[in-house]
Amino acid sequence: MSLDSHDLIPPEPPPKAMRISGFNWARKNLFSSVFSGTLTAILTVGLLLGILAVLRFIFSPDRRWEVIPPNAANYTVGSYPRDDLGNIWWSVWVIAALAGMSTVLWGVGGRVSVVKVVAGVRAAGVTALVVGVLSLWSPAGTAVQSWLVWGGAALIVAGWVPMRLLSEDRTVATANALAALVGLGMVVLWYLHLDRTSHWHLRLIVTALVVIAFHWLGRMAKRWLPDPTFKKVVTMLWVISFPVIYMHIQRNPSVAWEEVLPWLPWAALVMAVGPVAIGLVSRLPREQAAAVNFLLGAVTIFSWVVEWPMAIRVMTLLLTLFSMAAPTFASSPQARKVFYWSWLGGSLCALYFFLLGVASTGLDTRGDFLGGFNLTILLAVGGIALSFPVGLLLALGRTSTMPIFRILSVAYIEVIRGVPLITVLFFADKVIPRFLPPWVDVIGETKALLAITAFAAAYLAENVRGGLQSVSSGQFEAARALGMTTSQMTMLVTLPQALKAVIPAMVGQAIALFKDTSLVAIIGLADFLRVARDVVPNQPDSLGSVLENLLLAAVVYWIFAFSFSRASQRLEKRLGVGTR
């Protein structure tokens, strides 16, 4: 007997997940036995006493929290000229624009369940209410304590009503939820009565509008461009934005064109030779391509021996690297076209940043102009970004079968990992300038960034080496069976799997590096922690406020470290780390 499609039994809908009340969950997980109930009660009492002690410290009449808002500029930018703070806001708006476009890549343009939004509102209300009630036992009451109590109660009510009126399947646009959160944050900042003479509140509103505008711009661009192309464009803009912000926007450079114009035609010649060399190497047989690469390498070495202009040396070195990578990544016509554009963009960026590097700053400042949290971000982000390619090369060199690369990589890794970061910082500050010509003046921020990069690269290399060793031998055999070269097998098979496996270790190192940037104070730089410990407490209007400033620094460091951790967990979930 044959069944017609209309006679088939329709599939049953999946069962809905059962929701368990908070009381039943606590009874099952916290008070399931006498021992667990006793342990829960003891730990709860200890936690409440600890929170109460912290709140007594925060709301003590001896605390001088009023000294923090007037020193917001010191915390943020250190000794940066106050007349040029508009450059800092332009930097913030560039980051806000890229963040708005990146929200499209992060899936923020979708929808989120109302249940999650309401649960977050209710959790925030419970937290504010508990903190406000516990803080009432402090020696002196303040208006903030009352606002915490009443605001927490209002959030709880606001989170309870929608749960009773709306269905569980109701969703809301994620962008709208984030916009409401940003608006609430601005209201809180407005209530804190920070310094309004610099019109910071208006600039914060502009920042929020920039995020929203570029979010919608990114959504329109995603309709026009394929997803891989859009991701590459946004990623490249993020990479370029970092040096543009610190070398152009904040530094306000002044280029001496009379010293630059003589070698610009030679730079244009190298740029024109690039597509020809890449096209030859990608089409020629392996032996002839190796001969062309050898010739380019000889020209690069000759340029350093005869002391050609530094820009020409760097561009010839970049051309050699592009030519060596062309047989692997530019084998097809489409890939070759992408490689041509990559060479043009890379050489233009190299020339642009070299011009910025040789230019003098137009800021009216004495000594270093970077400081505060701005300097901390520079050292942390720059150290992570620059140490990543160096660490990859060291890891590949240590696992290489060529003795020269393996010995050099092992020597570097073991030497750097055998000394503390303070030693590397002292070496960069005191020793490296002795090996440079007298006319080369390396600023303190550059020396600190080089030291942090060298230190982090050694640890990153060991993390990546562990990931390379976790790749099974079957992957290598399959790649060889497909006829892949060693470089293709490394870049397309083994390295992606190795990096995926060591994401938790790399994020942990990034968090440690972010906190270790506070050690640059040992060579005289005023990072965020030094400003909180030495600069602000010694201001005439905030003398003796060390504890308040150190607590603020601890909270800021924790917020960013926790954000890194959460971003890592989301990335691991998207990539399926730990699952098959």
Protein backbone atom coordinates (compact mmCIF):
# COMPACT_ATOMS: atom_id res chain seq x y z
CA MET A 1 0.00 0.00 0.00
CA SER A 2 1.47 3.30 -1.07
CA LEU A 3 0.98 6.45 0.90
CA ASP A 4 0.22 9.71 -0.76
CA SER A 5 2.00 12.84 0.48
CA HIS A 6 -1.32 14.09 1.88
CA ASP A 7 -1.68 10.96 4.00
CA LEU A 8 1.61 11.46 5.85
CA ILE A 9 1.38 12.37 9.50
CA PRO A 10 2.59 15.96 9.94
CA PRO A 11 5.62 16.32 12.19
CA GLU A 12 4.94 17.45 15.70
CA PRO A 13 6.38 20.80 16.76
CA PRO A 14 9.38 20.62 19.09
CA PRO A 15 8.46 20.74 22.76
CA LYS A 16 8.87 24.09 24.44
CA ALA A 17 11.55 24.41 27.03
CA MET A 18 10.18 24.31 30.54
CA ARG A 19 10.82 27.39 32.60
CA ILE A 20 11.74 26.81 36.20
CA SER A 21 11.06 29.41 38.84
CA GLY A 22 13.86 30.98 40.82
CA PHE A 23 12.67 29.34 44.04
CA ASN A 24 12.67 25.83 42.53
CA TRP A 25 16.06 26.42 40.90
CA ALA A 26 17.57 27.51 44.22
CA ARG A 27 16.06 24.53 46.05
CA LYS A 28 17.43 22.12 43.45
CA ASN A 29 20.92 23.61 43.03
CA LEU A 30 21.70 25.42 46.29
CA PHE A 31 19.68 23.68 49.02
CA SER A 32 19.45 20.11 47.78
CA SER A 33 20.98 18.75 51.02
CA VAL A 34 21.90 19.88 54.50
CA PHE A 35 25.56 20.25 53.54
CA SER A 36 24.87 22.26 50.36
CA GLY A 37 22.33 24.47 52.18
CA THR A 38 24.78 25.19 55.01
CA LEU A 39 27.59 25.92 52.57
CA THR A 40 25.34 28.21 50.53
CA ALA A 41 24.27 30.12 53.64
CA ILE A 42 27.87 30.57 54.84
CA LEU A 43 29.12 31.73 51.46
CA THR A 44 26.14 34.07 51.04
CA VAL A 45 26.77 35.69 54.41
CA GLY A 46 30.48 36.05 53.64
CA LEU A 47 29.71 37.56 50.24
CA LEU A 48 27.24 40.04 51.73
CA LEU A 49 29.74 41.07 54.41
CA GLY A 50 32.40 41.58 51.74
CA ILE A 51 30.04 43.65 49.61
CA LEU A 52 29.03 45.64 52.67
CA ALA A 53 32.68 46.37 53.47
CA VAL A 54 33.29 47.58 49.92
CA LEU A 55 30.19 49.77 50.01
CA ARG A 56 31.22 51.22 53.36
CA PHE A 57 34.52 52.17 51.76
CA ILE A 58 32.84 53.66 48.68
CA PHE A 59 30.21 55.69 50.55
CA SER A 60 32.45 56.69 53.45
CA PRO A 61 32.44 60.45 54.17
CA ASP A 62 36.25 60.34 53.92
CA ARG A 63 36.11 59.43 50.24
CA ARG A 64 36.64 62.25 47.78
CA TRP A 65 34.94 61.03 44.64
CA GLU A 66 34.33 64.61 43.53
CA VAL A 67 37.99 64.90 42.44
CA ILE A 68 37.56 62.34 39.62
CA PRO A 69 35.28 64.22 37.15
CA PRO A 70 37.50 67.34 36.92
CA ASN A 71 40.49 65.10 36.11
CA ALA A 72 38.76 63.22 33.29
CA ALA A 73 41.15 64.75 30.74
CA ASN A 74 44.19 63.68 32.77
CA TYR A 75 42.89 60.13 32.97
CA THR A 76 42.09 59.98 29.27
CA VAL A 77 44.93 61.76 27.48
CA GLY A 78 47.49 62.68 30.14
CA SER A 79 49.55 65.71 29.16
CA TYR A 80 48.04 66.09 25.67
CA PRO A 81 47.65 69.82 24.86
CA ARG A 82 44.22 70.93 25.99
CA ASP A 83 43.86 73.30 23.04
CA ASP A 84 44.10 70.30 20.67
CA LEU A 85 41.61 67.99 22.38
CA GLY A 86 39.51 68.14 19.22
CA ASN A 87 42.02 65.68 17.71
CA ILE A 88 41.10 63.18 20.44
CA TRP A 89 37.42 63.51 19.65
CA TRP A 90 38.11 62.98 15.94
CA SER A 91 39.91 59.77 16.94
CA VAL A 92 36.86 58.70 18.95
CA TRP A 93 34.56 59.40 16.01
CA VAL A 94 36.73 57.34 13.65
CA ILE A 95 36.51 54.40 16.06
CA ALA A 96 32.76 54.99 16.47
CA ALA A 97 32.28 54.92 12.68
CA LEU A 98 34.17 51.64 12.35
CA ALA A 99 32.34 50.19 15.34
CA GLY A 100 29.01 51.11 13.75
CA MET A 101 29.98 49.27 10.55
CA SER A 102 31.33 46.33 12.52
CA THR A 103 28.02 45.84 14.32
CA VAL A 104 26.68 44.60 10.98
CA LEU A 105 29.38 41.91 10.92
CA TRP A 106 28.68 40.98 14.56
CA GLY A 107 25.04 40.29 13.78
CA VAL A 108 23.77 43.27 15.72
CA GLY A 109 21.44 44.04 12.84
CA GLY A 110 19.28 41.03 13.80
CA ARG A 111 16.71 40.63 16.54
CA VAL A 112 16.89 39.55 20.15
CA SER A 113 14.27 37.93 22.33
CA VAL A 114 12.28 40.22 24.58
CA VAL A 115 12.78 37.68 27.37
CA LYS A 116 16.56 38.27 27.25
CA VAL A 117 16.16 42.04 27.20
CA VAL A 118 13.73 41.99 30.09
CA ALA A 119 15.94 39.58 32.03
CA GLY A 120 18.86 41.96 31.61
CA VAL A 121 16.80 44.92 32.78
CA ARG A 122 15.56 42.98 35.78
CA ALA A 123 19.09 41.80 36.67
CA ALA A 124 20.35 45.38 36.53
CA GLY A 125 17.47 46.46 38.77
CA VAL A 126 18.16 43.74 41.33
CA THR A 127 21.85 44.64 41.38
CA ALA A 128 21.14 48.36 41.85
CA LEU A 129 18.56 47.65 44.57
CA VAL A 130 20.85 45.31 46.52
CA VAL A 131 23.76 47.75 46.29
CA GLY A 132 21.54 50.65 47.31
CA VAL A 133 20.03 48.80 50.30
CA LEU A 134 23.40 47.56 51.55
CA SER A 135 24.94 51.00 51.12
CA LEU A 136 22.29 52.50 53.43
CA TRP A 137 24.27 51.04 56.34
CA SER A 138 27.25 53.23 55.50
CA PRO A 139 28.08 56.02 57.95
CA ALA A 140 26.79 58.81 55.71
CA GLY A 141 23.93 58.66 53.25
CA THR A 142 24.06 60.35 49.86
CA ALA A 143 21.65 61.05 47.06
CA VAL A 144 23.30 58.32 44.99
CA GLN A 145 22.18 55.67 47.50
CA SER A 146 18.56 56.80 47.23
CA TRP A 147 18.77 56.83 43.45
CA LEU A 148 20.15 53.28 43.50
CA VAL A 149 17.25 52.06 45.62
CA TRP A 150 14.48 53.78 43.70
CA GLY A 151 16.11 53.24 40.32
CA GLY A 152 16.64 49.53 41.04
CA ALA A 153 13.00 49.15 42.11
CA ALA A 154 11.84 50.94 38.95
CA LEU A 155 13.95 48.63 36.75
CA ILE A 156 12.55 45.56 38.49
CA VAL A 157 9.00 46.75 37.85
CA ALA A 158 9.90 47.64 34.25
CA GLY A 159 11.31 44.14 33.81
CA TRP A 160 8.35 42.40 35.45
CA VAL A 161 5.48 44.03 33.53
CA PRO A 162 6.53 43.03 29.97
CA MET A 163 7.04 39.44 31.13
CA ARG A 164 3.34 39.32 32.04
CA LEU A 165 2.01 41.17 29.01
CA LEU A 166 4.16 39.92 26.11
CA SER A 167 4.63 36.43 24.72
CA GLU A 168 7.94 34.62 24.91
CA ASP A 169 8.25 34.56 21.12
CA ARG A 170 8.24 38.36 20.82
CA THR A 171 11.52 39.87 19.57
CA VAL A 172 12.95 43.36 19.28
CA ALA A 173 15.63 44.77 16.98
CA THR A 174 19.06 44.42 18.57
CA ALA A 175 20.12 47.82 17.26
CA ASN A 176 17.12 49.44 18.97
CA ALA A 177 17.94 47.69 22.25
CA LEU A 178 21.54 48.92 22.07
CA ALA A 179 20.39 52.43 21.17
CA ALA A 180 18.16 52.47 24.25
CA LEU A 181 21.09 51.27 26.36
CA VAL A 182 23.34 54.02 24.99
CA GLY A 183 20.63 56.60 25.67
CA LEU A 184 20.29 55.40 29.25
CA GLY A 185 24.05 55.64 29.70
CA MET A 186 24.05 59.23 28.47
CA VAL A 187 21.28 60.11 30.91
CA VAL A 188 23.37 58.67 33.75
CA LEU A 189 26.45 60.58 32.64
CA TRP A 190 24.41 63.75 32.39
CA TYR A 191 23.14 63.23 35.91
CA LEU A 192 26.70 62.85 37.26
CA HIS A 193 27.34 66.54 36.46
CA LEU A 194 30.75 66.05 34.89
CA ASP A 195 32.67 68.98 33.50
CA ARG A 196 30.43 70.52 30.83
CA THR A 197 32.69 73.41 29.91
CA SER A 198 34.28 71.30 27.16
CA HIS A 199 30.84 70.36 25.76
CA TRP A 200 31.60 66.66 26.32
CA HIS A 201 27.87 65.83 26.49
CA LEU A 202 27.26 67.22 23.00
CA ARG A 203 30.26 65.30 21.67
CA LEU A 204 28.98 62.10 23.26
CA ILE A 205 25.68 62.62 21.47
CA VAL A 206 27.60 63.08 18.21
CA THR A 207 29.50 59.85 18.95
CA ALA A 208 26.26 57.93 19.42
CA LEU A 209 24.83 59.40 16.22
CA VAL A 210 27.98 58.41 14.32
CA VAL A 211 27.63 54.80 15.53
CA ILE A 212 23.98 54.66 14.46
CA ALA A 213 24.61 56.36 11.09
CA PHE A 214 27.48 54.05 10.14
CA HIS A 215 25.52 51.02 11.32
CA TRP A 216 22.87 51.78 8.70
CA LEU A 217 25.56 52.68 6.18
CA GLY A 218 27.15 49.29 6.81
CA ARG A 219 23.82 47.54 6.29
CA MET A 220 23.43 49.27 2.92
CA ALA A 221 27.04 48.45 1.95
CA LYS A 222 26.47 44.81 2.83
CA ARG A 223 23.67 44.69 0.26
CA TRP A 224 25.97 45.97 -2.46
CA LEU A 225 29.11 43.98 -1.59
CA PRO A 226 29.52 40.24 -1.06
CA ASP A 227 30.04 39.21 2.55
CA PRO A 228 33.75 38.24 2.13
CA THR A 229 34.53 41.54 0.42
CA PHE A 230 32.66 43.57 3.05
CA LYS A 231 34.52 41.78 5.85
CA LYS A 232 37.87 42.41 4.18
CA VAL A 233 37.07 46.10 3.70
CA VAL A 234 36.02 46.60 7.32
CA THR A 235 39.02 44.62 8.61
CA MET A 236 41.42 46.65 6.48
CA LEU A 237 39.87 49.90 7.70
CA TRP A 238 40.38 48.78 11.31
CA VAL A 239 44.04 47.94 10.59
CA ILE A 240 44.70 51.27 8.88
CA SER A 241 42.79 53.31 11.46
CA PHE A 242 45.21 52.53 14.26
CA PRO A 243 48.32 54.18 12.78
CA VAL A 244 46.22 56.93 11.20
CA ILE A 245 44.83 57.90 14.60
CA TYR A 246 48.15 57.99 16.43
CA MET A 247 50.44 59.15 13.62
CA HIS A 248 48.19 61.60 11.79
CA ILE A 249 45.10 62.72 13.72
CA GLN A 250 46.61 63.01 17.19
CA ARG A 251 50.17 63.86 16.15
CA ASN A 252 49.22 66.64 13.71
CA PRO A 253 52.34 66.07 11.55
CA SER A 254 54.24 68.65 9.53
CA VAL A 255 56.11 67.16 6.52
CA ALA A 256 59.34 68.75 5.26
CA TRP A 257 58.70 68.32 1.54
CA GLU A 258 62.11 69.61 0.49
CA GLU A 259 63.63 66.46 2.06
CA VAL A 260 60.98 64.10 0.64
CA LEU A 261 60.65 65.17 -3.01
CA PRO A 262 64.09 63.85 -4.19
CA TRP A 263 63.24 60.18 -3.52
CA LEU A 264 59.53 60.20 -4.38
CA PRO A 265 60.15 59.35 -8.11
CA TRP A 266 62.19 56.30 -7.07
CA ALA A 267 59.34 55.18 -4.80
CA ALA A 268 56.93 55.53 -7.74
CA LEU A 269 59.28 53.39 -9.85
CA VAL A 270 59.27 50.60 -7.26
CA MET A 271 55.48 50.75 -7.14
CA ALA A 272 55.33 50.42 -10.95
CA VAL A 273 57.75 47.46 -10.98
CA GLY A 274 55.63 45.60 -8.41
CA PRO A 275 52.80 44.37 -10.72
CA VAL A 276 55.34 43.30 -13.36
CA ALA A 277 57.36 41.24 -10.87
CA ILE A 278 54.26 39.70 -9.30
CA GLY A 279 52.84 38.80 -12.73
CA LEU A 280 56.11 37.15 -13.80
CA VAL A 281 56.60 35.15 -10.62
CA SER A 282 53.01 33.90 -10.56
CA ARG A 283 53.23 32.63 -14.19
CA LEU A 284 56.80 31.33 -14.44
CA PRO A 285 57.86 27.79 -13.46
CA ARG A 286 59.12 27.26 -9.95
CA GLU A 287 62.84 27.43 -10.78
CA GLN A 288 62.55 30.62 -12.82
CA ALA A 289 60.27 32.22 -10.20
CA ALA A 290 62.88 31.41 -7.55
CA ALA A 291 65.52 33.14 -9.71
CA VAL A 292 63.38 36.29 -9.94
CA ASN A 293 62.82 36.27 -6.17
CA PHE A 294 66.55 35.81 -5.62
CA LEU A 295 67.26 38.84 -7.83
CA LEU A 296 64.74 40.97 -5.92
CA GLY A 297 66.25 39.82 -2.62
CA ALA A 298 69.72 40.79 -3.83
CA VAL A 299 68.45 44.26 -4.79
CA THR A 300 66.87 44.60 -1.33
CA ILE A 301 70.13 43.67 0.41
CA PHE A 302 72.07 46.05 -1.87
CA SER A 303 69.67 48.88 -0.98
CA TRP A 304 70.51 48.45 2.69
CA VAL A 305 74.24 48.13 2.09
CA VAL A 306 74.60 51.32 0.02
CA GLU A 307 72.21 53.22 2.33
CA TRP A 308 69.48 54.17 -0.11
CA PRO A 309 66.67 56.35 1.32
CA MET A 310 64.82 54.45 4.03
CA ALA A 311 61.52 54.56 2.17
CA ILE A 312 63.09 52.86 -0.89
CA ARG A 313 64.63 50.18 1.33
CA VAL A 314 61.31 49.42 2.96
CA MET A 315 59.41 49.34 -0.34
CA THR A 316 61.95 47.02 -2.01
CA LEU A 317 61.71 44.72 1.00
CA LEU A 318 57.91 44.80 0.75
CA LEU A 319 58.11 44.02 -2.98
CA THR A 320 60.35 41.03 -2.27
CA LEU A 321 57.89 39.66 0.28
CA PHE A 322 54.97 40.10 -2.14
CA SER A 323 56.92 38.38 -4.90
CA MET A 324 57.81 35.43 -2.67
CA ALA A 325 54.14 34.99 -1.70
CA ALA A 326 52.81 35.33 -5.27
CA PRO A 327 53.26 31.65 -6.33
CA THR A 328 51.08 30.57 -3.40
CA PHE A 329 48.39 33.24 -3.35
CA ALA A 330 48.31 34.55 -6.96
CA SER A 331 48.16 31.37 -9.02
CA SER A 332 44.78 32.09 -10.66
CA PRO A 333 43.79 35.20 -12.67
CA GLN A 334 41.25 36.29 -10.04
CA ALA A 335 43.74 35.83 -7.20
CA ARG A 336 46.38 37.67 -9.25
CA LYS A 337 44.05 40.64 -9.65
CA VAL A 338 43.47 40.74 -5.88
CA PHE A 339 47.21 40.52 -5.34
CA TYR A 340 47.84 43.49 -7.65
CA TRP A 341 45.40 45.63 -5.68
CA SER A 342 46.93 44.40 -2.42
CA TRP A 343 50.39 45.47 -3.61
CA LEU A 344 49.12 48.88 -4.68
CA GLY A 345 47.29 49.47 -1.40
CA GLY A 346 50.13 48.09 0.73
CA SER A 347 52.82 50.17 -1.00
CA LEU A 348 50.73 53.34 -0.79
CA CYS A 349 50.09 52.73 2.92
CA ALA A 350 53.79 52.09 3.52
CA LEU A 351 54.71 55.32 1.73
CA TYR A 352 52.02 57.28 3.58
CA PHE A 353 53.07 56.05 7.02
CA PHE A 354 56.73 56.61 6.26
CA LEU A 355 55.96 60.24 5.42
CA LEU A 356 54.12 60.55 8.72
CA GLY A 357 57.01 58.93 10.56
CA VAL A 358 59.64 61.37 9.28
CA ALA A 359 57.38 64.37 9.84
CA SER A 360 57.59 66.50 12.96
CA THR A 361 54.63 67.07 15.23
CA GLY A 362 52.74 70.33 15.03
CA LEU A 363 51.54 70.16 18.64
CA ASP A 364 52.62 72.79 21.12
CA THR A 365 53.91 70.42 23.78
CA ARG A 366 57.01 69.68 25.78
CA GLY A 367 58.26 66.11 25.76
CA ASP A 368 55.88 63.20 25.26
CA PHE A 369 52.31 64.16 24.40
CA LEU A 370 50.76 60.70 24.78
CA GLY A 371 49.57 59.60 28.18
CA GLY A 372 46.71 58.31 30.29
CA PHE A 373 44.32 55.72 28.94
CA ASN A 374 45.14 56.85 25.41
CA LEU A 375 48.72 55.61 25.88
CA THR A 376 47.51 52.37 27.49
CA ILE A 377 45.33 51.62 24.46
CA LEU A 378 48.22 52.42 22.10
CA LEU A 379 50.60 50.04 23.86
CA ALA A 380 48.04 47.27 24.35
CA VAL A 381 46.47 47.27 20.88
CA GLY A 382 49.77 48.01 19.14
CA GLY A 383 51.60 45.32 21.10
CA ILE A 384 48.93 42.71 20.33
CA ALA A 385 48.69 43.63 16.63
CA LEU A 386 52.45 43.80 16.00
CA SER A 387 53.36 40.74 18.07
CA PHE A 388 50.90 38.52 16.19
CA PRO A 389 52.81 38.27 12.85
CA VAL A 390 56.16 38.16 14.65
CA GLY A 391 54.93 35.37 16.92
CA LEU A 392 53.61 33.41 13.93
CA LEU A 393 56.98 33.63 12.19
CA LEU A 394 58.79 32.54 15.36
CA ALA A 395 56.43 29.58 15.82
CA LEU A 396 56.87 28.49 12.21
CA GLY A 397 60.63 28.95 12.53
CA ARG A 398 60.78 26.83 15.68
CA THR A 399 58.87 24.01 14.00
CA SER A 400 60.82 24.34 10.73
CA THR A 401 63.10 21.60 9.44
CA MET A 402 65.73 24.17 8.43
CA PRO A 403 68.32 24.36 11.25
CA ILE A 404 69.15 28.06 10.83
CA PHE A 405 65.55 29.21 11.31
CA ARG A 406 64.92 26.74 14.11
CA ILE A 407 68.06 27.70 16.07
CA LEU A 408 67.44 31.45 15.74
CA SER A 409 63.78 31.11 16.74
CA VAL A 410 64.58 28.92 19.76
CA ALA A 411 67.33 31.29 20.89
CA TYR A 412 65.07 34.34 20.65
CA ILE A 413 62.12 32.68 22.41
CA GLU A 414 64.15 31.24 25.26
CA VAL A 415 66.09 34.46 25.88
CA ILE A 416 63.01 36.70 25.91
CA ARG A 417 60.93 34.30 28.01
CA GLY A 418 63.78 34.00 30.49
CA VAL A 419 63.69 37.66 31.55
CA PRO A 420 60.85 39.82 32.97
CA LEU A 421 59.16 42.53 30.95
CA ILE A 422 60.81 45.24 33.04
CA THR A 423 64.21 44.06 31.81
CA VAL A 424 63.08 44.25 28.20
CA LEU A 425 61.70 47.74 28.79
CA PHE A 426 65.00 48.91 30.32
CA PHE A 427 66.89 47.37 27.41
CA ALA A 428 64.71 49.16 24.86
CA ASP A 429 64.98 52.46 26.72
CA LYS A 430 68.71 52.49 27.51
CA VAL A 431 70.48 50.10 25.14
CA ILE A 432 68.73 50.33 21.77
CA PRO A 433 69.48 54.08 21.31
CA ARG A 434 73.20 53.30 21.59
CA PHE A 435 73.04 51.18 18.42
CA LEU A 436 71.26 53.88 16.40
CA PRO A 437 72.84 56.82 14.56
CA PRO A 438 72.94 60.09 16.53
CA TRP A 439 70.39 61.71 14.24
CA VAL A 440 67.79 59.02 14.94
CA ASP A 441 65.64 60.05 17.92
CA VAL A 442 63.26 57.33 19.08
CA ILE A 443 60.54 58.62 21.42
CA GLY A 444 59.69 56.78 24.62
CA GLU A 445 56.33 55.50 23.36
CA THR A 446 58.00 53.83 20.36
CA LYS A 447 60.63 52.17 22.53
CA ALA A 448 57.99 50.89 24.93
CA LEU A 449 55.88 49.58 22.04
CA LEU A 450 58.88 47.75 20.54
CA ALA A 451 59.73 46.20 23.91
CA ILE A 452 56.16 45.03 24.54
CA THR A 453 55.94 43.64 21.00
CA ALA A 454 59.20 41.71 21.36
CA PHE A 455 58.14 40.32 24.74
CA ALA A 456 54.62 39.32 23.68
CA ALA A 457 55.81 37.72 20.42
CA ALA A 458 57.93 35.17 22.30
CA TYR A 459 54.98 34.00 24.41
CA LEU A 460 52.62 34.03 21.43
CA ALA A 461 55.07 31.85 19.49
CA GLU A 462 54.89 29.15 22.15
CA ASN A 463 51.09 29.26 22.14
CA VAL A 464 50.97 28.89 18.36
CA ARG A 465 53.57 26.10 18.47
CA GLY A 466 51.30 24.17 20.82
CA GLY A 467 48.46 24.63 18.35
CA LEU A 468 50.63 23.42 15.46
CA GLN A 469 51.51 20.28 17.39
CA SER A 470 47.82 19.58 18.02
CA VAL A 471 47.12 19.23 14.27
CA SER A 472 46.95 15.53 13.41
CA SER A 473 49.39 13.97 10.98
CA GLY A 474 46.47 13.00 8.75
CA GLN A 475 45.98 16.66 7.85
CA PHE A 476 49.56 16.86 6.57
CA GLU A 477 49.19 13.63 4.59
CA ALA A 478 45.93 14.80 3.02
CA ALA A 479 47.50 18.13 2.04
CA ARG A 480 50.47 16.39 0.44
CA ALA A 481 48.13 14.01 -1.40
CA LEU A 482 46.41 17.05 -2.94
CA GLY A 483 49.76 18.30 -4.23
CA MET A 484 50.05 21.31 -1.96
CA THR A 485 53.39 22.95 -1.42
CA THR A 486 54.77 23.47 2.08
CA SER A 487 53.69 27.11 2.16
CA GLN A 488 50.20 26.28 0.90
CA MET A 489 49.85 23.48 3.43
CA THR A 490 50.93 25.79 6.24
CA MET A 491 48.81 28.81 5.31
CA LEU A 492 45.66 26.96 4.21
CA VAL A 493 45.55 23.81 6.36
CA THR A 494 47.68 23.66 9.48
CA LEU A 495 47.90 27.30 10.61
CA PRO A 496 44.12 28.01 10.61
CA GLN A 497 43.50 24.89 12.70
CA ALA A 498 46.33 25.76 15.08
CA LEU A 499 45.10 29.33 15.62
CA LYS A 500 41.56 28.09 16.21
CA ALA A 501 42.80 25.69 18.90
CA VAL A 502 44.78 28.31 20.84
CA ILE A 503 42.22 31.13 20.90
CA PRO A 504 41.75 30.89 24.71
CA ALA A 505 45.51 31.02 25.29
CA MET A 506 45.97 34.00 22.96
CA VAL A 507 43.12 35.92 24.57
CA GLY A 508 44.56 35.21 28.02
CA GLN A 509 47.89 36.58 26.84
CA ALA A 510 46.17 39.66 25.39
CA ILE A 511 44.49 40.33 28.76
CA ALA A 512 47.82 39.93 30.57
CA LEU A 513 49.51 42.24 28.06
CA PHE A 514 46.81 44.88 28.56
CA LYS A 515 47.49 44.88 32.30
CA ASP A 516 51.28 44.70 31.89
CA THR A 517 51.29 48.00 30.02
CA SER A 518 51.28 49.66 33.45
CA LEU A 519 54.97 48.68 33.77
CA VAL A 520 55.98 51.38 31.27
CA ALA A 521 55.91 53.83 34.16
CA ILE A 522 59.33 52.43 35.07
CA ILE A 523 60.82 54.20 32.01
CA GLY A 524 59.02 57.48 32.68
CA LEU A 525 55.79 57.15 30.65
CA ALA A 526 52.53 58.37 32.18
CA ASP A 527 50.13 55.52 31.43
CA PHE A 528 46.63 55.21 32.92
CA LEU A 529 47.74 53.61 36.19
CA ARG A 530 50.53 56.12 36.75
CA VAL A 531 48.12 58.99 36.20
CA ALA A 532 45.78 57.46 38.78
CA ARG A 533 48.57 56.78 41.26
CA ASP A 534 50.89 59.78 40.92
CA VAL A 535 49.49 62.54 38.72
CA VAL A 536 45.90 63.07 39.90
CA PRO A 537 46.57 62.61 43.67
CA ASN A 538 49.24 65.33 43.44
CA GLN A 539 46.98 67.92 41.83
CA PRO A 540 46.25 70.91 44.10
CA ASP A 541 42.52 70.18 44.23
CA SER A 542 42.86 66.42 44.74
CA LEU A 543 45.73 65.94 47.16
CA GLY A 544 45.58 62.69 49.10
CA SER A 545 42.95 60.96 46.95
CA VAL A 546 45.11 57.92 46.16
CA LEU A 547 42.63 55.22 47.20
CA GLU A 548 39.78 56.65 45.16
CA ASN A 549 41.89 56.89 42.02
CA LEU A 550 43.38 53.41 42.42
CA LEU A 551 39.89 51.93 42.83
CA LEU A 552 38.78 53.69 39.65
CA ALA A 553 41.82 52.30 37.82
CA ALA A 554 41.05 48.79 39.07
CA VAL A 555 37.44 49.03 37.84
CA VAL A 556 38.52 50.26 34.40
CA TYR A 557 41.10 47.49 34.01
CA TRP A 558 38.52 44.89 35.07
CA ILE A 559 35.91 46.18 32.61
CA PHE A 560 38.26 45.86 29.65
CA ALA A 561 39.70 42.51 30.74
CA PHE A 562 36.18 41.13 31.24
CA SER A 563 35.14 42.46 27.83
CA PHE A 564 38.10 40.68 26.20
CA SER A 565 37.09 37.46 27.91
CA ARG A 566 33.46 37.69 26.79
CA ALA A 567 34.49 38.51 23.23
CA SER A 568 36.77 35.47 23.26
CA GLN A 569 33.95 33.21 24.42
CA ARG A 570 31.70 34.48 21.66
CA LEU A 571 34.42 33.93 19.06
CA GLU A 572 35.04 30.41 20.33
CA LYS A 573 31.33 29.66 20.11
CA ARG A 574 31.10 30.94 16.54
CA LEU A 575 34.15 28.93 15.45
CA GLY A 576 33.07 25.81 17.32
CA VAL A 577 36.19 25.53 19.47
CA GLY A 578 36.07 22.35 21.55
CA THR A 579 33.32 20.77 19.43
CA ARG A 580 33.39 18.41 16.47
